[in-house]
């Protein structure tokens, strides 16, 4: 009888220990799975630091033929796999035969970001992208006239910086919900660089109409004004073409630009800080994601029309591409901590 009682107590204690330990085991398993799933697959040393990236080479890549290269930059607090899943560039790369690389920003006291300011850290980020292009050109048959950069949020701001610092290598740029505070006077490059942008009017992080937000005490420029400034940079005609693309999407295109370097802005009415047509982010945090336009496909159509140097003239980039089937300088210290908490929370929701 006593032996049976001891056995029962042992069984109960064992069950309790299992229940107590189970959350920790599951958490550890989840953490290991997350790390494995979000691992980068390449690294280089740039400016004396190890820098990482995630490279996708499509099965359709033919080393005998020069292939385009798309560089896609994550937002603040993001990471390469998150940008890959958000934008869904890989699916299009497979059918179109281009390579996609997702570089990783630097992580220090706060979330992983691109240092979009006029200081020396920005110089290291620019050097990293240039070194990365060198690395990929040495390893693959990259067409030097078809290298493009795009980014989301802080990565969009970095795309602007690249258009001013690597315009001899970057043929055209794309920006989605760009978080940008660098003044136009900072950009002294004179080359007309084609640009396509997507921005939601309900973006609470990089406000469409400009001003400060919780992610930065520095004010953001109004997006239409920013596009108009880019059009002046590209020496475009003063009267943009306006067209309705969908019920919630309008397109403004500046034409008659130097070297046919068009400037195109897609405005998403009621859109949040999201990637149109891409993987939806938590709506409670960033706002709604429209499915009425596919930013990735539109961007690729624009890129394809703008190699370096450009030959094409007068094409209408506002034509809708069918959707798939159905820089900012971030504040340091306390604001970095707030950002980290918000993005970690978002990461768990993905």
C-alpha atoms as a PDB file:
ATOM      1  CA  UNK A   1       0.000   0.000   0.000  1.00  0.00           C
ATOM      2  CA  UNK A   2       2.775   2.392   0.992  1.00  0.00           C
ATOM      3  CA  UNK A   3       4.642   1.513  -2.206  1.00  0.00           C
ATOM      4  CA  UNK A   4       1.532   2.361  -4.259  1.00  0.00           C
ATOM      5  CA  UNK A   5       1.146   5.713  -2.442  1.00  0.00           C
ATOM      6  CA  UNK A   6       4.793   6.610  -3.069  1.00  0.00           C
ATOM      7  CA  UNK A   7       4.420   5.673  -6.699  1.00  0.00           C
ATOM      8  CA  UNK A   8       1.363   7.919  -7.045  1.00  0.00           C
ATOM      9  CA  UNK A   9       3.163  10.825  -5.359  1.00  0.00           C
ATOM     10  CA  UNK A  10       6.116  10.328  -7.692  1.00  0.00           C
ATOM     11  CA  UNK A  11       3.811  10.328 -10.712  1.00  0.00           C
ATOM     12  CA  UNK A  12       2.064  13.519  -9.560  1.00  0.00           C
ATOM     13  CA  UNK A  13       5.346  15.296  -8.840  1.00  0.00           C
ATOM     14  CA  UNK A  14       6.675  14.211 -12.226  1.00  0.00           C
ATOM     15  CA  UNK A  15       3.559  15.529 -13.966  1.00  0.00           C
ATOM     16  CA  UNK A  16       3.840  18.855 -12.109  1.00  0.00           C
ATOM     17  CA  UNK A  17       7.503  19.177 -13.088  1.00  0.00           C
ATOM     18  CA  UNK A  18       6.620  18.485 -16.711  1.00  0.00           C
ATOM     19  CA  UNK A  19       3.889  21.139 -16.643  1.00  0.00           C
ATOM     20  CA  UNK A  20       6.229  23.656 -15.008  1.00  0.00           C
ATOM     21  CA  UNK A  21       9.050  22.949 -17.445  1.00  0.00           C
ATOM     22  CA  UNK A  22       6.879  22.714 -20.567  1.00  0.00           C
ATOM     23  CA  UNK A  23       6.529  26.485 -21.198  1.00  0.00           C
ATOM     24  CA  UNK A  24      10.291  26.933 -20.916  1.00  0.00           C
ATOM     25  CA  UNK A  25      10.915  24.009 -23.275  1.00  0.00           C
ATOM     26  CA  UNK A  26       8.383  25.328 -25.778  1.00  0.00           C
ATOM     27  CA  UNK A  27       9.849  28.820 -25.536  1.00  0.00           C
ATOM     28  CA  UNK A  28      13.349  27.454 -26.104  1.00  0.00           C
ATOM     29  CA  UNK A  29      12.146  25.353 -29.028  1.00  0.00           C
ATOM     30  CA  UNK A  30      10.377  28.363 -30.492  1.00  0.00           C
ATOM     31  CA  UNK A  31      13.477  30.516 -30.095  1.00  0.00           C
ATOM     32  CA  UNK A  32      15.679  27.918 -31.770  1.00  0.00           C
ATOM     33  CA  UNK A  33      13.162  27.549 -34.615  1.00  0.00           C
ATOM     34  CA  UNK A  34      12.946  31.316 -35.050  1.00  0.00           C
ATOM     35  CA  UNK A  35      16.728  31.717 -35.165  1.00  0.00           C
ATOM     36  CA  UNK A  36      17.100  28.873 -37.665  1.00  0.00           C
ATOM     37  CA  UNK A  37      14.321  30.210 -39.858  1.00  0.00           C
ATOM     38  CA  UNK A  38      15.670  33.759 -39.829  1.00  0.00           C
ATOM     39  CA  UNK A  39      19.339  32.984 -40.401  1.00  0.00           C
ATOM     40  CA  UNK A  40      21.278  34.913 -43.047  1.00  0.00           C
ATOM     41  CA  UNK A  41      23.297  32.974 -45.620  1.00  0.00           C
ATOM     42  CA  UNK A  42      26.202  35.297 -46.378  1.00  0.00           C
ATOM     43  CA  UNK A  43      28.611  37.754 -44.803  1.00  0.00           C
ATOM     44  CA  UNK A  44      31.478  40.048 -45.751  1.00  0.00           C
ATOM     45  CA  UNK A  45      33.870  42.293 -43.881  1.00  0.00           C
ATOM     46  CA  UNK A  46      33.222  45.936 -44.690  1.00  0.00           C
ATOM     47  CA  UNK A  47      34.830  48.920 -42.954  1.00  0.00           C
ATOM     48  CA  UNK A  48      36.415  46.459 -40.537  1.00  0.00           C
ATOM     49  CA  UNK A  49      33.078  44.979 -39.445  1.00  0.00           C
ATOM     50  CA  UNK A  50      31.310  41.737 -40.237  1.00  0.00           C
ATOM     51  CA  UNK A  51      28.156  42.521 -42.204  1.00  0.00           C
ATOM     52  CA  UNK A  52      25.536  39.933 -43.102  1.00  0.00           C
ATOM     53  CA  UNK A  53      23.011  39.456 -45.880  1.00  0.00           C
ATOM     54  CA  UNK A  54      20.463  37.012 -47.246  1.00  0.00           C
ATOM     55  CA  UNK A  55      20.842  36.139 -50.930  1.00  0.00           C
ATOM     56  CA  UNK A  56      18.275  34.494 -53.172  1.00  0.00           C
ATOM     57  CA  UNK A  57      19.470  33.003 -56.457  1.00  0.00           C
ATOM     58  CA  UNK A  58      16.518  31.753 -58.522  1.00  0.00           C
ATOM     59  CA  UNK A  59      16.541  28.338 -60.122  1.00  0.00           C
ATOM     60  CA  UNK A  60      16.102  30.133 -63.430  1.00  0.00           C
ATOM     61  CA  UNK A  61      19.491  31.859 -63.076  1.00  0.00           C
ATOM     62  CA  UNK A  62      21.748  31.086 -66.031  1.00  0.00           C
ATOM     63  CA  UNK A  63      25.420  31.934 -65.315  1.00  0.00           C
ATOM     64  CA  UNK A  64      25.974  32.387 -69.051  1.00  0.00           C
ATOM     65  CA  UNK A  65      23.580  35.352 -69.127  1.00  0.00           C
ATOM     66  CA  UNK A  66      23.985  38.626 -67.173  1.00  0.00           C
ATOM     67  CA  UNK A  67      21.219  38.853 -64.572  1.00  0.00           C
ATOM     68  CA  UNK A  68      19.721  41.889 -62.842  1.00  0.00           C
ATOM     69  CA  UNK A  69      20.292  42.384 -59.121  1.00  0.00           C
ATOM     70  CA  UNK A  70      17.647  43.774 -56.745  1.00  0.00           C
ATOM     71  CA  UNK A  71      18.796  45.048 -53.343  1.00  0.00           C
ATOM     72  CA  UNK A  72      15.920  45.162 -50.821  1.00  0.00           C
ATOM     73  CA  UNK A  73      16.450  46.930 -47.493  1.00  0.00           C
ATOM     74  CA  UNK A  74      14.458  46.169 -44.356  1.00  0.00           C
ATOM     75  CA  UNK A  75      12.947  48.802 -42.072  1.00  0.00           C
ATOM     76  CA  UNK A  76      14.091  49.766 -38.584  1.00  0.00           C
ATOM     77  CA  UNK A  77      13.823  46.814 -36.261  1.00  0.00           C
ATOM     78  CA  UNK A  78      13.419  44.477 -39.228  1.00  0.00           C
ATOM     79  CA  UNK A  79      15.795  41.854 -40.548  1.00  0.00           C
ATOM     80  CA  UNK A  80      16.507  40.239 -43.940  1.00  0.00           C
ATOM     81  CA  UNK A  81      14.066  37.309 -43.732  1.00  0.00           C
ATOM     82  CA  UNK A  82      11.324  39.644 -42.528  1.00  0.00           C
ATOM     83  CA  UNK A  83      11.924  41.912 -45.541  1.00  0.00           C
ATOM     84  CA  UNK A  84      11.957  38.906 -47.852  1.00  0.00           C
ATOM     85  CA  UNK A  85       8.591  37.712 -46.554  1.00  0.00           C
ATOM     86  CA  UNK A  86       7.101  41.215 -46.470  1.00  0.00           C
ATOM     87  CA  UNK A  87       7.983  42.108 -50.063  1.00  0.00           C
ATOM     88  CA  UNK A  88       7.793  38.625 -51.627  1.00  0.00           C
ATOM     89  CA  UNK A  89      10.542  39.535 -54.101  1.00  0.00           C
ATOM     90  CA  UNK A  90      11.689  35.904 -54.366  1.00  0.00           C
ATOM     91  CA  UNK A  91       8.552  34.730 -56.131  1.00  0.00           C
ATOM     92  CA  UNK A  92       8.970  37.347 -58.836  1.00  0.00           C
ATOM     93  CA  UNK A  93      12.730  36.735 -59.047  1.00  0.00           C
ATOM     94  CA  UNK A  94      12.077  33.097 -59.859  1.00  0.00           C
ATOM     95  CA  UNK A  95       9.873  33.921 -62.830  1.00  0.00           C
ATOM     96  CA  UNK A  96      11.933  36.891 -64.063  1.00  0.00           C
ATOM     97  CA  UNK A  97      15.415  35.486 -63.511  1.00  0.00           C
ATOM     98  CA  UNK A  98      16.978  38.157 -61.309  1.00  0.00           C
ATOM     99  CA  UNK A  99      18.894  37.830 -58.040  1.00  0.00           C
ATOM    100  CA  UNK A 100      17.665  39.423 -54.814  1.00  0.00           C
ATOM    101  CA  UNK A 101      19.822  40.312 -51.841  1.00  0.00           C
ATOM    102  CA  UNK A 102      18.528  41.445 -48.459  1.00  0.00           C
ATOM    103  CA  UNK A 103      21.335  43.194 -46.552  1.00  0.00           C
ATOM    104  CA  UNK A 104      21.224  43.477 -42.778  1.00  0.00           C
ATOM    105  CA  UNK A 105      21.481  46.822 -41.041  1.00  0.00           C
ATOM    106  CA  UNK A 106      23.677  47.293 -37.994  1.00  0.00           C
ATOM    107  CA  UNK A 107      22.405  46.400 -34.548  1.00  0.00           C
ATOM    108  CA  UNK A 108      23.898  48.171 -31.539  1.00  0.00           C
ATOM    109  CA  UNK A 109      22.140  49.892 -28.631  1.00  0.00           C
ATOM    110  CA  UNK A 110      18.742  49.630 -30.283  1.00  0.00           C
ATOM    111  CA  UNK A 111      17.005  47.812 -33.134  1.00  0.00           C
ATOM    112  CA  UNK A 112      18.763  46.934 -36.369  1.00  0.00           C
ATOM    113  CA  UNK A 113      18.646  50.040 -38.573  1.00  0.00           C
ATOM    114  CA  UNK A 114      20.169  51.898 -41.494  1.00  0.00           C
ATOM    115  CA  UNK A 115      21.932  55.003 -40.205  1.00  0.00           C
ATOM    116  CA  UNK A 116      20.303  57.525 -42.497  1.00  0.00           C
ATOM    117  CA  UNK A 117      22.001  60.705 -41.360  1.00  0.00           C
ATOM    118  CA  UNK A 118      24.892  62.768 -42.617  1.00  0.00           C
ATOM    119  CA  UNK A 119      27.440  61.263 -40.235  1.00  0.00           C
ATOM    120  CA  UNK A 120      30.179  58.710 -40.678  1.00  0.00           C
ATOM    121  CA  UNK A 121      27.947  55.734 -39.836  1.00  0.00           C
ATOM    122  CA  UNK A 122      25.935  56.359 -43.005  1.00  0.00           C
ATOM    123  CA  UNK A 123      29.221  56.243 -44.903  1.00  0.00           C
ATOM    124  CA  UNK A 124      29.884  52.767 -43.509  1.00  0.00           C
ATOM    125  CA  UNK A 125      26.421  51.591 -44.559  1.00  0.00           C
ATOM    126  CA  UNK A 126      26.945  52.951 -48.081  1.00  0.00           C
ATOM    127  CA  UNK A 127      30.352  51.276 -48.244  1.00  0.00           C
ATOM    128  CA  UNK A 128      28.766  48.002 -47.118  1.00  0.00           C
ATOM    129  CA  UNK A 129      26.251  48.109 -49.995  1.00  0.00           C
ATOM    130  CA  UNK A 130      29.026  48.938 -52.470  1.00  0.00           C
ATOM    131  CA  UNK A 131      31.210  46.121 -51.114  1.00  0.00           C
ATOM    132  CA  UNK A 132      28.254  43.758 -51.278  1.00  0.00           C
ATOM    133  CA  UNK A 133      27.715  44.594 -54.949  1.00  0.00           C
ATOM    134  CA  UNK A 134      31.415  43.904 -55.556  1.00  0.00           C
ATOM    135  CA  UNK A 135      31.099  40.536 -53.797  1.00  0.00           C
ATOM    136  CA  UNK A 136      28.063  39.464 -55.810  1.00  0.00           C
ATOM    137  CA  UNK A 137      29.535  40.666 -59.106  1.00  0.00           C
ATOM    138  CA  UNK A 138      32.607  38.526 -58.398  1.00  0.00           C
ATOM    139  CA  UNK A 139      30.484  35.466 -57.630  1.00  0.00           C
ATOM    140  CA  UNK A 140      27.675  35.752 -60.182  1.00  0.00           C
ATOM    141  CA  UNK A 141      27.125  37.102 -63.666  1.00  0.00           C
ATOM    142  CA  UNK A 142      25.476  40.381 -62.623  1.00  0.00           C
ATOM    143  CA  UNK A 143      24.444  42.906 -65.259  1.00  0.00           C
ATOM    144  CA  UNK A 144      26.047  46.166 -64.017  1.00  0.00           C
ATOM    145  CA  UNK A 145      23.445  48.222 -65.895  1.00  0.00           C
ATOM    146  CA  UNK A 146      20.562  46.590 -64.009  1.00  0.00           C
ATOM    147  CA  UNK A 147      21.285  46.946 -60.293  1.00  0.00           C
ATOM    148  CA  UNK A 148      18.354  48.379 -58.332  1.00  0.00           C
ATOM    149  CA  UNK A 149      17.744  49.344 -54.701  1.00  0.00           C
ATOM    150  CA  UNK A 150      14.506  49.504 -52.783  1.00  0.00           C
ATOM    151  CA  UNK A 151      13.461  49.549 -49.169  1.00  0.00           C
ATOM    152  CA  UNK A 152      10.697  49.751 -46.617  1.00  0.00           C
ATOM    153  CA  UNK A 153      10.460  52.560 -44.046  1.00  0.00           C
ATOM    154  CA  UNK A 154      14.007  53.214 -42.787  1.00  0.00           C
ATOM    155  CA  UNK A 155      15.190  51.073 -45.726  1.00  0.00           C
ATOM    156  CA  UNK A 156      13.361  53.455 -48.051  1.00  0.00           C
ATOM    157  CA  UNK A 157      15.295  56.331 -46.531  1.00  0.00           C
ATOM    158  CA  UNK A 158      18.481  54.366 -47.152  1.00  0.00           C
ATOM    159  CA  UNK A 159      17.452  53.902 -50.787  1.00  0.00           C
ATOM    160  CA  UNK A 160      17.372  57.684 -51.163  1.00  0.00           C
ATOM    161  CA  UNK A 161      20.843  57.900 -49.631  1.00  0.00           C
ATOM    162  CA  UNK A 162      22.107  55.279 -52.114  1.00  0.00           C
ATOM    163  CA  UNK A 163      20.640  57.255 -55.023  1.00  0.00           C
ATOM    164  CA  UNK A 164      22.837  60.172 -53.962  1.00  0.00           C
ATOM    165  CA  UNK A 165      26.005  58.233 -53.136  1.00  0.00           C
ATOM    166  CA  UNK A 166      26.030  55.248 -55.531  1.00  0.00           C
ATOM    167  CA  UNK A 167      24.240  56.710 -58.537  1.00  0.00           C
ATOM    168  CA  UNK A 168      26.995  55.357 -60.772  1.00  0.00           C
ATOM    169  CA  UNK A 169      25.978  51.810 -59.741  1.00  0.00           C
ATOM    170  CA  UNK A 170      22.287  51.983 -58.790  1.00  0.00           C
ATOM    171  CA  UNK A 171      20.113  52.307 -61.889  1.00  0.00           C
ATOM    172  CA  UNK A 172      16.834  53.178 -60.131  1.00  0.00           C
ATOM    173  CA  UNK A 173      15.325  53.091 -56.648  1.00  0.00           C
ATOM    174  CA  UNK A 174      12.011  52.191 -55.038  1.00  0.00           C
ATOM    175  CA  UNK A 175      10.620  53.352 -51.705  1.00  0.00           C
ATOM    176  CA  UNK A 176       7.705  51.990 -49.672  1.00  0.00           C
ATOM    177  CA  UNK A 177       6.539  53.990 -46.659  1.00  0.00           C
ATOM    178  CA  UNK A 178       9.919  55.719 -46.721  1.00  0.00           C
ATOM    179  CA  UNK A 179      11.045  57.164 -43.398  1.00  0.00           C
ATOM    180  CA  UNK A 180      13.243  59.994 -44.580  1.00  0.00           C
ATOM    181  CA  UNK A 181      14.514  63.135 -42.826  1.00  0.00           C
ATOM    182  CA  UNK A 182      17.678  64.017 -44.747  1.00  0.00           C
ATOM    183  CA  UNK A 183      17.315  67.482 -46.309  1.00  0.00           C
ATOM    184  CA  UNK A 184      17.499  67.808 -50.083  1.00  0.00           C
ATOM    185  CA  UNK A 185      20.534  70.062 -49.712  1.00  0.00           C
ATOM    186  CA  UNK A 186      22.421  66.990 -48.447  1.00  0.00           C
ATOM    187  CA  UNK A 187      22.121  65.279 -51.840  1.00  0.00           C
ATOM    188  CA  UNK A 188      24.672  66.933 -54.110  1.00  0.00           C
ATOM    189  CA  UNK A 189      24.696  64.245 -56.798  1.00  0.00           C
ATOM    190  CA  UNK A 190      23.548  65.594 -60.171  1.00  0.00           C
ATOM    191  CA  UNK A 191      22.557  62.379 -61.901  1.00  0.00           C
ATOM    192  CA  UNK A 192      18.839  62.012 -62.584  1.00  0.00           C
ATOM    193  CA  UNK A 193      17.879  58.766 -60.809  1.00  0.00           C
ATOM    194  CA  UNK A 194      14.495  57.167 -61.615  1.00  0.00           C
ATOM    195  CA  UNK A 195      12.350  56.738 -58.497  1.00  0.00           C
ATOM    196  CA  UNK A 196       9.080  54.962 -57.713  1.00  0.00           C
ATOM    197  CA  UNK A 197       7.388  55.343 -54.317  1.00  0.00           C
ATOM    198  CA  UNK A 198       4.361  53.971 -52.478  1.00  0.00           C
ATOM    199  CA  UNK A 199       2.901  55.656 -49.408  1.00  0.00           C
ATOM    200  CA  UNK A 200      -0.326  55.380 -47.413  1.00  0.00           C
ATOM    201  CA  UNK A 201      -2.244  58.442 -46.270  1.00  0.00           C
ATOM    202  CA  UNK A 202      -2.909  56.783 -42.884  1.00  0.00           C
ATOM    203  CA  UNK A 203       0.769  56.031 -42.189  1.00  0.00           C
ATOM    204  CA  UNK A 204       1.278  56.926 -38.525  1.00  0.00           C
ATOM    205  CA  UNK A 205       5.027  56.276 -38.490  1.00  0.00           C
ATOM    206  CA  UNK A 206       6.140  58.256 -41.553  1.00  0.00           C
ATOM    207  CA  UNK A 207       3.170  60.621 -41.960  1.00  0.00           C
ATOM    208  CA  UNK A 208       2.047  61.186 -45.543  1.00  0.00           C
ATOM    209  CA  UNK A 209       1.481  64.883 -44.928  1.00  0.00           C
ATOM    210  CA  UNK A 210       4.741  65.310 -43.040  1.00  0.00           C
ATOM    211  CA  UNK A 211       5.616  66.192 -39.467  1.00  0.00           C
ATOM    212  CA  UNK A 212       7.031  64.305 -36.499  1.00  0.00           C
ATOM    213  CA  UNK A 213       5.859  60.912 -35.268  1.00  0.00           C
ATOM    214  CA  UNK A 214       6.644  58.613 -32.373  1.00  0.00           C
ATOM    215  CA  UNK A 215       9.527  57.003 -34.277  1.00  0.00           C
ATOM    216  CA  UNK A 216      11.469  60.220 -34.763  1.00  0.00           C
ATOM    217  CA  UNK A 217      11.476  63.692 -33.270  1.00  0.00           C
ATOM    218  CA  UNK A 218      12.815  65.024 -36.557  1.00  0.00           C
ATOM    219  CA  UNK A 219       9.963  65.997 -38.867  1.00  0.00           C
ATOM    220  CA  UNK A 220       9.301  63.992 -41.998  1.00  0.00           C
ATOM    221  CA  UNK A 221       8.682  65.866 -45.250  1.00  0.00           C
ATOM    222  CA  UNK A 222       5.248  65.740 -46.857  1.00  0.00           C
ATOM    223  CA  UNK A 223       5.370  62.881 -49.356  1.00  0.00           C
ATOM    224  CA  UNK A 224       3.943  64.810 -52.351  1.00  0.00           C
ATOM    225  CA  UNK A 225       6.476  67.584 -51.705  1.00  0.00           C
ATOM    226  CA  UNK A 226       9.261  65.012 -51.478  1.00  0.00           C
ATOM    227  CA  UNK A 227       8.239  63.541 -54.841  1.00  0.00           C
ATOM    228  CA  UNK A 228       8.101  67.019 -56.386  1.00  0.00           C
ATOM    229  CA  UNK A 229      11.611  67.746 -55.096  1.00  0.00           C
ATOM    230  CA  UNK A 230      12.845  64.509 -56.662  1.00  0.00           C
ATOM    231  CA  UNK A 231      11.208  65.541 -59.942  1.00  0.00           C
ATOM    232  CA  UNK A 232      13.132  68.814 -59.815  1.00  0.00           C
ATOM    233  CA  UNK A 233      16.307  66.853 -59.153  1.00  0.00           C
ATOM    234  CA  UNK A 234      15.587  64.817 -62.292  1.00  0.00           C
ATOM    235  CA  UNK A 235      14.732  67.964 -64.263  1.00  0.00           C
ATOM    236  CA  UNK A 236      11.247  66.699 -65.075  1.00  0.00           C
ATOM    237  CA  UNK A 237       8.404  68.688 -66.579  1.00  0.00           C
ATOM    238  CA  UNK A 238       6.452  70.795 -64.043  1.00  0.00           C
ATOM    239  CA  UNK A 239       3.041  69.185 -64.642  1.00  0.00           C
ATOM    240  CA  UNK A 240       2.697  65.571 -63.436  1.00  0.00           C
ATOM    241  CA  UNK A 241       0.170  63.142 -64.891  1.00  0.00           C
ATOM    242  CA  UNK A 242      -2.527  62.006 -62.450  1.00  0.00           C
ATOM    243  CA  UNK A 243      -4.450  58.755 -62.832  1.00  0.00           C
ATOM    244  CA  UNK A 244      -6.672  56.479 -60.751  1.00  0.00           C
ATOM    245  CA  UNK A 245      -5.256  52.961 -60.521  1.00  0.00           C
ATOM    246  CA  UNK A 246      -7.802  51.474 -58.113  1.00  0.00           C
ATOM    247  CA  UNK A 247     -10.531  52.677 -55.769  1.00  0.00           C
ATOM    248  CA  UNK A 248      -7.944  53.457 -53.106  1.00  0.00           C
ATOM    249  CA  UNK A 249      -4.836  54.032 -55.252  1.00  0.00           C
ATOM    250  CA  UNK A 250      -3.829  57.048 -57.326  1.00  0.00           C
ATOM    251  CA  UNK A 251      -0.679  57.541 -59.379  1.00  0.00           C
ATOM    252  CA  UNK A 252       1.245  60.746 -59.961  1.00  0.00           C
ATOM    253  CA  UNK A 253       3.933  60.537 -62.655  1.00  0.00           C
ATOM    254  CA  UNK A 254       6.462  63.214 -63.546  1.00  0.00           C
ATOM    255  CA  UNK A 255       7.540  62.904 -67.172  1.00  0.00           C
ATOM    256  CA  UNK A 256       9.851  64.653 -69.650  1.00  0.00           C
ATOM    257  CA  UNK A 257      12.724  64.129 -67.233  1.00  0.00           C
ATOM    258  CA  UNK A 258      16.444  64.168 -67.955  1.00  0.00           C
ATOM    259  CA  UNK A 259      17.560  60.772 -69.303  1.00  0.00           C
ATOM    260  CA  UNK A 260      13.929  59.594 -69.081  1.00  0.00           C
ATOM    261  CA  UNK A 261      14.395  59.343 -65.294  1.00  0.00           C
ATOM    262  CA  UNK A 262      10.714  59.301 -64.363  1.00  0.00           C
ATOM    263  CA  UNK A 263       9.441  59.983 -60.843  1.00  0.00           C
ATOM    264  CA  UNK A 264       6.300  58.046 -59.861  1.00  0.00           C
ATOM    265  CA  UNK A 265       4.303  58.274 -56.633  1.00  0.00           C
ATOM    266  CA  UNK A 266       1.510  55.851 -55.759  1.00  0.00           C
ATOM    267  CA  UNK A 267      -0.735  57.173 -52.997  1.00  0.00           C
ATOM    268  CA  UNK A 268      -2.801  54.613 -51.082  1.00  0.00           C
ATOM    269  CA  UNK A 269      -5.849  56.265 -49.552  1.00  0.00           C
ATOM    270  CA  UNK A 270      -6.228  54.986 -46.002  1.00  0.00           C
ATOM    271  CA  UNK A 271      -3.125  52.809 -46.349  1.00  0.00           C
ATOM    272  CA  UNK A 272      -0.902  52.246 -43.341  1.00  0.00           C
ATOM    273  CA  UNK A 273       2.842  51.783 -42.847  1.00  0.00           C
ATOM    274  CA  UNK A 274       2.746  48.667 -44.988  1.00  0.00           C
ATOM    275  CA  UNK A 275       3.942  47.070 -48.241  1.00  0.00           C
ATOM    276  CA  UNK A 276       1.025  47.200 -50.736  1.00  0.00           C
ATOM    277  CA  UNK A 277       0.216  43.740 -52.031  1.00  0.00           C
ATOM    278  CA  UNK A 278       2.822  42.153 -49.750  1.00  0.00           C
ATOM    279  CA  UNK A 279       2.539  40.154 -46.558  1.00  0.00           C
ATOM    280  CA  UNK A 280       0.271  42.060 -44.172  1.00  0.00           C
ATOM    281  CA  UNK A 281       1.847  43.325 -40.972  1.00  0.00           C
ATOM    282  CA  UNK A 282      -0.212  43.519 -37.748  1.00  0.00           C
ATOM    283  CA  UNK A 283      -2.940  46.038 -38.576  1.00  0.00           C
ATOM    284  CA  UNK A 284      -3.282  47.170 -34.956  1.00  0.00           C
ATOM    285  CA  UNK A 285       0.310  48.387 -35.132  1.00  0.00           C
ATOM    286  CA  UNK A 286       0.886  49.646 -38.683  1.00  0.00           C
ATOM    287  CA  UNK A 287      -2.565  50.055 -40.240  1.00  0.00           C
ATOM    288  CA  UNK A 288      -4.238  48.359 -43.221  1.00  0.00           C
ATOM    289  CA  UNK A 289      -2.468  46.780 -46.217  1.00  0.00           C
ATOM    290  CA  UNK A 290      -4.143  47.294 -49.596  1.00  0.00           C
ATOM    291  CA  UNK A 291      -4.441  44.340 -51.966  1.00  0.00           C
ATOM    292  CA  UNK A 292      -5.460  46.532 -54.923  1.00  0.00           C
ATOM    293  CA  UNK A 293      -1.917  47.107 -56.076  1.00  0.00           C
ATOM    294  CA  UNK A 294       1.241  45.020 -55.878  1.00  0.00           C
ATOM    295  CA  UNK A 295       4.181  47.281 -55.022  1.00  0.00           C
ATOM    296  CA  UNK A 296       6.747  44.581 -55.827  1.00  0.00           C
ATOM    297  CA  UNK A 297       5.427  43.897 -59.314  1.00  0.00           C
ATOM    298  CA  UNK A 298       4.937  47.584 -60.077  1.00  0.00           C
ATOM    299  CA  UNK A 299       8.448  48.282 -58.866  1.00  0.00           C
ATOM    300  CA  UNK A 300       9.948  45.551 -61.022  1.00  0.00           C
ATOM    301  CA  UNK A 301       8.099  46.839 -64.117  1.00  0.00           C
ATOM    302  CA  UNK A 302       9.545  50.292 -63.378  1.00  0.00           C
ATOM    303  CA  UNK A 303      13.050  48.937 -62.784  1.00  0.00           C
ATOM    304  CA  UNK A 304      12.958  46.883 -65.948  1.00  0.00           C
ATOM    305  CA  UNK A 305      12.216  50.060 -67.928  1.00  0.00           C
ATOM    306  CA  UNK A 306      15.168  51.908 -66.377  1.00  0.00           C
ATOM    307  CA  UNK A 307      18.550  50.259 -66.899  1.00  0.00           C
ATOM    308  CA  UNK A 308      21.747  52.211 -66.486  1.00  0.00           C
ATOM    309  CA  UNK A 309      22.192  53.993 -68.869  1.00  0.00           C
ATOM    310  CA  UNK A 310      18.605  54.362 -69.989  1.00  0.00           C
ATOM    311  CA  UNK A 311      17.507  54.207 -73.628  1.00  0.00           C
ATOM    312  CA  UNK A 312      13.707  54.159 -73.356  1.00  0.00           C
ATOM    313  CA  UNK A 313      11.659  57.352 -73.749  1.00  0.00           C
ATOM    314  CA  UNK A 314       8.179  58.458 -72.804  1.00  0.00           C
ATOM    315  CA  UNK A 315       6.619  55.283 -71.430  1.00  0.00           C
ATOM    316  CA  UNK A 316       3.629  55.446 -69.100  1.00  0.00           C
ATOM    317  CA  UNK A 317       4.698  53.863 -65.793  1.00  0.00           C
ATOM    318  CA  UNK A 318       1.263  54.377 -64.210  1.00  0.00           C
ATOM    319  CA  UNK A 319      -0.278  51.450 -66.107  1.00  0.00           C
ATOM    320  CA  UNK A 320      -1.522  48.967 -63.557  1.00  0.00           C
ATOM    321  CA  UNK A 321       0.301  45.662 -63.238  1.00  0.00           C
ATOM    322  CA  UNK A 322      -2.156  42.976 -62.119  1.00  0.00           C
ATOM    323  CA  UNK A 323      -1.707  41.979 -58.467  1.00  0.00           C
ATOM    324  CA  UNK A 324      -0.863  38.418 -57.563  1.00  0.00           C
ATOM    325  CA  UNK A 325      -3.801  36.120 -57.469  1.00  0.00           C
ATOM    326  CA  UNK A 326      -6.317  36.528 -54.836  1.00  0.00           C
ATOM    327  CA  UNK A 327      15.991  56.740 -42.953  1.00  0.00           C
ATOM    328  CA  UNK A 328      15.432  58.288 -41.256  1.00  0.00           C
ATOM    329  CA  UNK A 329      17.558  58.831 -38.234  1.00  0.00           C
ATOM    330  CA  UNK A 330      15.999  57.035 -35.314  1.00  0.00           C
ATOM    331  CA  UNK A 331      16.463  58.542 -31.903  1.00  0.00           C
ATOM    332  CA  UNK A 332      18.843  56.857 -29.504  1.00  0.00           C
ATOM    333  CA  UNK A 333      18.484  55.833 -25.886  1.00  0.00           C
ATOM    334  CA  UNK A 334      14.943  55.679 -24.620  1.00  0.00           C
ATOM    335  CA  UNK A 335      13.309  55.842 -28.055  1.00  0.00           C
ATOM    336  CA  UNK A 336      15.421  52.894 -29.199  1.00  0.00           C
ATOM    337  CA  UNK A 337      14.091  50.892 -26.266  1.00  0.00           C
ATOM    338  CA  UNK A 338      10.516  51.786 -27.226  1.00  0.00           C
ATOM    339  CA  UNK A 339      11.169  50.747 -30.812  1.00  0.00           C
ATOM    340  CA  UNK A 340      12.716  47.457 -29.730  1.00  0.00           C
ATOM    341  CA  UNK A 341       9.662  46.599 -27.612  1.00  0.00           C
ATOM    342  CA  UNK A 342       7.257  47.506 -30.398  1.00  0.00           C
ATOM    343  CA  UNK A 343       9.090  45.568 -33.094  1.00  0.00           C
ATOM    344  CA  UNK A 344       9.648  42.507 -30.922  1.00  0.00           C
ATOM    345  CA  UNK A 345       5.931  42.529 -30.277  1.00  0.00           C
ATOM    346  CA  UNK A 346       5.294  42.796 -34.001  1.00  0.00           C
ATOM    347  CA  UNK A 347       7.814  39.989 -34.685  1.00  0.00           C
ATOM    348  CA  UNK A 348       5.864  37.651 -32.421  1.00  0.00           C
ATOM    349  CA  UNK A 349       2.698  38.432 -34.369  1.00  0.00           C
ATOM    350  CA  UNK A 350       4.228  37.558 -37.758  1.00  0.00           C
END
